[in-house]
Every structure is written in C-alpha cells, then in structure tokens.
C-alpha cells in the first residue's frame, strides 16, 4: 500500500495524489472509493455537480478508516455562488456525504454574473462556521485568483484547474506559488491521450513504469502540485498512486513539459473565463 506525501499550502496538508470521481456514481463509485482507500489513497475529490456525493460518502465509510485520516474535497457549482445559495449548497453536500465538515470546499467555476466579493465572503463564512476546514477555488485565471486572494479573509489553499503535459499552466502555477496556494491538477492524464506520446513511453520503459505513472510523477514532482486522476478500475487506481518510488530527471521533466501546445486545453465550457495564455 502506497501513501502519498503531503503538500502544505496556507495551513492545509493535502495528499499529493487524490482520487478524482467525476462520472463515478452509485455502487461503482462507492466501490472505486473503497478500492482507493485500500490502495493507500487518503484524498478523495467530489463535487455537488457530480451527483455522486452519497456514493463517495458510502465508499469512505466502507473503507474502514478514521474520518480524520482522509482528506475530502467537494465543490459548489457556479449556479450556487450567491450568498445564501453557497451556504445551502455546502450544507446539502455535507448531508449527502454524511460528514460534519469537508476538508476542502472549492468554488467549482467562477460565475461572472455573481459578484466575486459576495461569493468569497460566503466561502470564508462557511470555513469560520466549521463546515469546511479549508477553502479554495477551481478554474480561476490569474486575474480572478488575484482578486479572490485580495477579497478573502481566510486563506485560500488551492486552485484546481485542468493540467497535463499538453497544457502550459505556467502563469497560473506562478500565481498560486506567489500566494502560497497549492495547484490541483484535474484531467492530469489529458483524458488518457497524453500517455500515447512516444517520449513518455520511452521514459516509462526506462523506469519500468506505465506511461500514466510517468505523467503523474511529472505532476507531483513539481513544487506544490497535486494530481487527482479519475479511475474506476481497481488496478489503475492502485497504479496511479504508486509514483513515489522513482524520480524523473530534470531533462525528462523538461521533455514532458515541452509537449505543451496552443490547442492543448480540453475542457472549456461556454461559461469558462477568458483563459490565461501560455507562460
């Protein structure tokens, strides 16, 4: 069983590998969470919008570990960011998870129709009320992150964004580090397309690892970066956390990073903010 090291950010200690659960629901979702806990995961990521918080909660309980041993993240959807709505969404998530508090509560996507000041004030209030131990954001650009940090009366601990070798996120990473936040990579394998790159296959063969393990190692070897790969396959769940027994050379890290391309972004819904250009 492998356990991920902790990433420290503005008072939070977050396991560097977590289980992403988008589209894992029902009994299969609960089973995936239980398998992850058995494999050593101590970080599970869900969201109100995923419609699987009940399953995630059931999987955590089935995992048989103490509540304080696992770091649970959930998110408030963009439609629920107004003061009052955000608190209600949080309380509903806790009921579905059957938890008194989550370890991390995130704004899932920014919403330009809702003033950010009110959203951040409500988010900080939820933390002060004890419903979330830590708070943060997701899909925030540099400008939005700067604004959020300036408005927050409680520390923000992460910005969760799409990130993989095809997508240069240097500007957002630098902003997170400037303010002491971690960066959480979702879609860390680029919807499994990145793993077919010859350079990654070559590096994987050299280390006796899978291409996915090499990409996940590339993530967590960057300062302050956390990855939350999603899988419902027991073997892959276990493989995805087994990335702490080897190290990539500086040259390998550079070669993987050089795969970034202008059209590398894969997730950009109509309501997305105006993304930062590559660093």
Protein backbone atom coordinates (compact mmCIF):
# COMPACT_ATOMS: atom_id res chain seq x y z
CA UNK A 1 0.00 0.00 0.00
CA UNK A 2 1.33 3.41 -1.02
CA UNK A 3 0.57 6.68 0.74
CA UNK A 4 1.14 10.00 -0.94
CA UNK A 5 3.28 12.67 0.72
CA UNK A 6 1.56 15.85 1.86
CA UNK A 7 1.58 19.17 0.06
CA UNK A 8 1.49 22.05 2.53
CA UNK A 9 -0.33 25.22 1.49
CA UNK A 10 -1.52 28.09 3.68
CA UNK A 11 -2.18 25.84 6.67
CA UNK A 12 -3.55 22.82 4.80
CA UNK A 13 -1.77 19.47 4.41
CA UNK A 14 -3.13 17.81 1.26
CA UNK A 15 -2.11 14.35 -0.02
CA UNK A 16 -0.32 14.82 -3.36
CA UNK A 17 -2.41 12.18 -5.14
CA UNK A 18 -6.18 12.01 -4.77
CA UNK A 19 -8.96 10.06 -6.43
CA UNK A 20 -10.98 12.09 -8.92
CA UNK A 21 -14.59 10.88 -9.00
CA UNK A 22 -16.26 12.69 -11.93
CA UNK A 23 -18.69 10.19 -13.53
CA UNK A 24 -18.13 7.60 -10.79
CA UNK A 25 -21.57 7.10 -9.24
CA UNK A 26 -23.75 4.60 -7.42
CA UNK A 27 -22.32 1.31 -6.24
CA UNK A 28 -19.47 1.53 -8.75
CA UNK A 29 -18.48 4.92 -7.38
CA UNK A 30 -18.56 3.70 -3.79
CA UNK A 31 -16.51 0.66 -4.79
CA UNK A 32 -13.89 2.82 -6.50
CA UNK A 33 -13.51 4.97 -3.38
CA UNK A 34 -13.16 1.86 -1.21
CA UNK A 35 -10.54 0.41 -3.56
CA UNK A 36 -8.67 3.70 -3.47
CA UNK A 37 -8.60 3.72 0.33
CA UNK A 38 -7.36 0.12 0.34
CA UNK A 39 -4.60 1.14 -2.10
CA UNK A 40 -3.46 3.92 0.24
CA UNK A 41 -5.32 6.99 -1.03
CA UNK A 42 -6.14 9.47 1.69
CA UNK A 43 -7.59 12.18 -0.58
CA UNK A 44 -10.92 11.97 -2.43
CA UNK A 45 -12.33 14.71 -4.68
CA UNK A 46 -16.02 15.12 -5.47
CA UNK A 47 -18.49 17.94 -6.22
CA UNK A 48 -22.16 18.75 -5.87
CA UNK A 49 -22.43 18.80 -9.67
CA UNK A 50 -21.06 15.25 -9.96
CA UNK A 51 -24.21 13.83 -8.36
CA UNK A 52 -22.15 11.23 -6.51
CA UNK A 53 -21.54 12.62 -3.04
CA UNK A 54 -23.73 9.90 -1.48
CA UNK A 55 -21.63 7.24 -3.22
CA UNK A 56 -18.37 8.90 -2.21
CA UNK A 57 -19.52 9.07 1.40
CA UNK A 58 -20.53 5.41 1.31
CA UNK A 59 -17.16 4.45 -0.12
CA UNK A 60 -15.34 6.36 2.59
CA UNK A 61 -17.33 4.61 5.29
CA UNK A 62 -16.74 1.23 3.64
CA UNK A 63 -13.01 1.96 3.59
CA UNK A 64 -12.93 1.43 7.34
CA UNK A 65 -10.52 4.21 8.25
CA UNK A 66 -10.97 7.02 10.74
CA UNK A 67 -12.60 10.13 9.32
CA UNK A 68 -9.59 12.27 10.23
CA UNK A 69 -7.33 10.08 8.10
CA UNK A 70 -8.93 11.10 4.82
CA UNK A 71 -8.95 14.46 3.08
CA UNK A 72 -12.32 15.08 1.42
CA UNK A 73 -12.86 17.84 -1.15
CA UNK A 74 -16.17 18.94 -2.59
CA UNK A 75 -17.22 21.90 -4.70
CA UNK A 76 -20.06 24.41 -5.03
CA UNK A 77 -21.45 24.71 -8.55
CA UNK A 78 -21.44 28.02 -10.43
CA UNK A 79 -25.22 28.45 -10.07
CA UNK A 80 -24.93 28.45 -6.26
CA UNK A 81 -22.32 31.14 -5.65
CA UNK A 82 -24.57 33.91 -4.33
CA UNK A 83 -24.54 34.42 -0.55
CA UNK A 84 -27.16 32.13 0.95
CA UNK A 85 -27.04 29.75 -2.02
CA UNK A 86 -23.42 28.84 -1.31
CA UNK A 87 -24.15 28.00 2.32
CA UNK A 88 -27.19 25.92 1.36
CA UNK A 89 -25.17 24.03 -1.23
CA UNK A 90 -22.47 23.28 1.31
CA UNK A 91 -24.95 22.02 3.88
CA UNK A 92 -26.61 19.80 1.26
CA UNK A 93 -23.23 18.36 0.26
CA UNK A 94 -22.47 17.52 3.89
CA UNK A 95 -25.82 15.74 4.24
CA UNK A 96 -25.14 13.67 1.14
CA UNK A 97 -21.60 12.84 2.25
CA UNK A 98 -22.81 12.25 5.81
CA UNK A 99 -19.99 14.37 7.17
CA UNK A 100 -19.92 17.19 9.71
CA UNK A 101 -17.33 19.06 7.62
CA UNK A 102 -15.28 18.65 4.47
CA UNK A 103 -11.55 19.19 4.49
CA UNK A 104 -11.70 21.46 1.46
CA UNK A 105 -14.56 23.37 -0.15
CA UNK A 106 -14.00 24.90 -3.59
CA UNK A 107 -15.80 27.26 -5.91
CA UNK A 108 -16.20 24.87 -8.85
CA UNK A 109 -16.23 27.52 -11.61
CA UNK A 110 -16.28 31.31 -11.44
CA UNK A 111 -19.57 32.97 -12.39
CA UNK A 112 -19.31 36.45 -13.90
CA UNK A 113 -23.00 37.07 -13.12
CA UNK A 114 -22.39 36.83 -9.36
CA UNK A 115 -20.11 39.41 -7.70
CA UNK A 116 -16.98 37.64 -6.52
CA UNK A 117 -16.88 39.65 -3.29
CA UNK A 118 -20.11 38.11 -2.01
CA UNK A 119 -19.03 34.62 -3.06
CA UNK A 120 -15.67 34.85 -1.31
CA UNK A 121 -17.25 36.34 1.82
CA UNK A 122 -19.74 33.45 1.93
CA UNK A 123 -16.96 30.92 1.32
CA UNK A 124 -14.93 32.36 4.19
CA UNK A 125 -18.04 32.32 6.40
CA UNK A 126 -18.54 28.63 5.72
CA UNK A 127 -14.99 27.98 6.93
CA UNK A 128 -15.50 30.07 10.06
CA UNK A 129 -18.73 28.16 10.74
CA UNK A 130 -16.76 24.90 10.77
CA UNK A 131 -18.41 23.36 7.72
CA UNK A 132 -15.11 23.32 5.79
CA UNK A 133 -11.66 23.07 7.31
CA UNK A 134 -10.09 24.77 4.29
CA UNK A 135 -11.34 26.66 1.25
CA UNK A 136 -10.17 27.34 -2.27
CA UNK A 137 -11.15 27.85 -5.88
CA UNK A 138 -11.17 25.99 -9.18
CA UNK A 139 -10.82 27.11 -12.77
CA UNK A 140 -9.62 30.58 -11.71
CA UNK A 141 -7.40 32.58 -14.02
CA UNK A 142 -4.51 34.65 -12.66
CA UNK A 143 -6.67 37.78 -12.56
CA UNK A 144 -9.53 36.01 -10.78
CA UNK A 145 -7.11 34.40 -8.32
CA UNK A 146 -5.51 37.74 -7.51
CA UNK A 147 -8.95 39.23 -6.91
CA UNK A 148 -10.08 36.29 -4.76
CA UNK A 149 -6.95 36.39 -2.60
CA UNK A 150 -7.44 40.12 -2.09
CA UNK A 151 -11.05 39.63 -1.00
CA UNK A 152 -10.55 36.59 1.23
CA UNK A 153 -10.46 36.99 5.00
CA UNK A 154 -9.48 33.31 5.33
CA UNK A 155 -6.56 31.67 3.49
CA UNK A 156 -7.23 30.01 0.15
CA UNK A 157 -5.29 26.76 -0.16
CA UNK A 158 -5.63 25.58 -3.77
CA UNK A 159 -6.69 26.43 -7.30
CA UNK A 160 -7.92 23.31 -9.08
CA UNK A 161 -7.51 23.52 -12.86
CA UNK A 162 -7.05 21.37 -15.93
CA UNK A 163 -3.38 20.50 -16.25
CA UNK A 164 -1.42 17.91 -18.20
CA UNK A 165 1.66 17.92 -20.45
CA UNK A 166 -0.31 19.26 -23.44
CA UNK A 167 -1.39 22.38 -21.49
CA UNK A 168 1.05 25.01 -20.26
CA UNK A 169 -0.26 26.40 -16.97
CA UNK A 170 2.89 28.29 -16.03
CA UNK A 171 1.18 31.61 -15.34
CA UNK A 172 -1.43 30.13 -13.02
CA UNK A 173 1.16 27.97 -11.27
CA UNK A 174 3.32 31.04 -10.64
CA UNK A 175 0.36 32.95 -9.22
CA UNK A 176 -0.50 30.08 -6.88
CA UNK A 177 3.07 29.89 -5.62
CA UNK A 178 3.20 33.65 -5.15
CA UNK A 179 0.25 33.45 -2.77
CA UNK A 180 1.18 30.19 -1.05
CA UNK A 181 -1.57 28.12 -2.69
CA UNK A 182 -1.19 24.61 -4.00
CA UNK A 183 -2.25 23.77 -7.55
CA UNK A 184 -4.52 20.75 -8.03
CA UNK A 185 -4.42 19.15 -11.49
CA UNK A 186 -7.65 17.72 -12.81
CA UNK A 187 -7.66 15.80 -16.09
CA UNK A 188 -3.98 15.12 -15.27
CA UNK A 189 -3.59 12.50 -17.99
CA UNK A 190 -5.23 14.63 -20.67
CA UNK A 191 -8.16 12.22 -20.99
CA UNK A 192 -5.59 9.44 -21.49
CA UNK A 193 -4.31 10.99 -24.73
CA UNK A 194 -1.01 12.15 -23.26
CA UNK A 195 0.09 8.62 -22.37
CA UNK A 196 0.41 7.64 -26.04
CA UNK A 197 3.21 10.16 -26.62
CA UNK A 198 6.46 8.38 -27.65
CA UNK A 199 8.63 10.47 -25.32
CA UNK A 200 6.52 9.39 -22.35
CA UNK A 201 6.59 5.75 -23.43
CA UNK A 202 10.38 5.96 -23.69
CA UNK A 203 10.75 7.44 -20.20
CA UNK A 204 8.29 4.90 -18.78
CA UNK A 205 10.25 1.99 -20.24
CA UNK A 206 13.45 3.34 -18.71
CA UNK A 207 11.87 3.39 -15.24
CA UNK A 208 9.81 0.21 -15.55
CA UNK A 209 6.63 2.23 -15.05
CA UNK A 210 3.48 2.80 -17.07
CA UNK A 211 3.16 5.96 -19.16
CA UNK A 212 0.35 7.12 -16.83
CA UNK A 213 2.64 6.73 -13.83
CA UNK A 214 5.30 8.84 -15.54
CA UNK A 215 2.80 11.64 -16.24
CA UNK A 216 1.51 11.58 -12.67
CA UNK A 217 5.09 11.63 -11.39
CA UNK A 218 5.68 14.70 -13.61
CA UNK A 219 2.78 16.40 -11.85
CA UNK A 220 3.72 15.67 -8.26
CA UNK A 221 7.41 16.33 -8.80
CA UNK A 222 6.53 19.99 -9.47
CA UNK A 223 6.51 22.10 -6.29
CA UNK A 224 3.08 22.46 -4.76
CA UNK A 225 1.26 20.38 -7.40
CA UNK A 226 -1.38 17.78 -6.52
CA UNK A 227 -2.98 15.40 -9.05
CA UNK A 228 -6.44 13.82 -8.87
CA UNK A 229 -6.62 11.12 -11.57
CA UNK A 230 -10.03 9.53 -12.03
CA UNK A 231 -10.45 5.78 -12.46
CA UNK A 232 -12.99 3.12 -11.63
CA UNK A 233 -10.55 0.30 -12.44
CA UNK A 234 -9.02 -1.32 -9.38
CA UNK A 235 -5.62 -1.98 -10.96
CA UNK A 236 -5.29 1.52 -12.40
CA UNK A 237 -6.41 3.09 -9.13
CA UNK A 238 -3.54 1.29 -7.40
CA UNK A 239 -1.05 2.12 -10.19
CA UNK A 240 -1.94 5.81 -10.10
CA UNK A 241 -0.71 6.28 -6.54
CA UNK A 242 2.41 4.12 -6.97
CA UNK A 243 4.52 7.03 -8.24
CA UNK A 244 6.66 7.87 -5.23
CA UNK A 245 9.37 5.22 -5.64
CA UNK A 246 11.13 6.83 -8.61
CA UNK A 247 12.26 10.29 -9.69
CA UNK A 248 12.32 11.89 -13.11
CA UNK A 249 15.50 13.67 -14.19
CA UNK A 250 15.42 17.38 -14.92
CA UNK A 251 15.81 16.50 -18.60
CA UNK A 252 12.83 14.13 -18.52
CA UNK A 253 10.73 16.79 -16.77
CA UNK A 254 11.66 19.31 -19.49
CA UNK A 255 10.92 16.86 -22.31
CA UNK A 256 7.48 16.11 -20.91
CA UNK A 257 6.73 19.81 -20.37
CA UNK A 258 7.78 20.53 -23.96
CA UNK A 259 4.72 18.58 -25.18
CA UNK A 260 2.54 21.62 -24.39
CA UNK A 261 0.78 23.05 -27.42
CA UNK A 262 -1.51 26.01 -28.14
CA UNK A 263 -4.59 23.79 -28.58
CA UNK A 264 -3.82 21.63 -25.57
CA UNK A 265 -6.80 22.65 -23.44
CA UNK A 266 -9.53 20.01 -23.44
CA UNK A 267 -12.13 21.44 -21.05
CA UNK A 268 -13.54 24.87 -21.85
CA UNK A 269 -17.32 25.15 -21.47
CA UNK A 270 -19.22 28.16 -22.76
CA UNK A 271 -19.22 29.74 -19.29
CA UNK A 272 -15.44 29.41 -18.80
CA UNK A 273 -13.44 32.56 -18.04
CA UNK A 274 -11.03 34.08 -20.55
CA UNK A 275 -8.09 31.72 -20.02
CA UNK A 276 -4.55 32.91 -19.50
CA UNK A 277 -2.17 32.46 -22.40
CA UNK A 278 0.81 30.15 -22.04
CA UNK A 279 3.74 31.35 -19.96
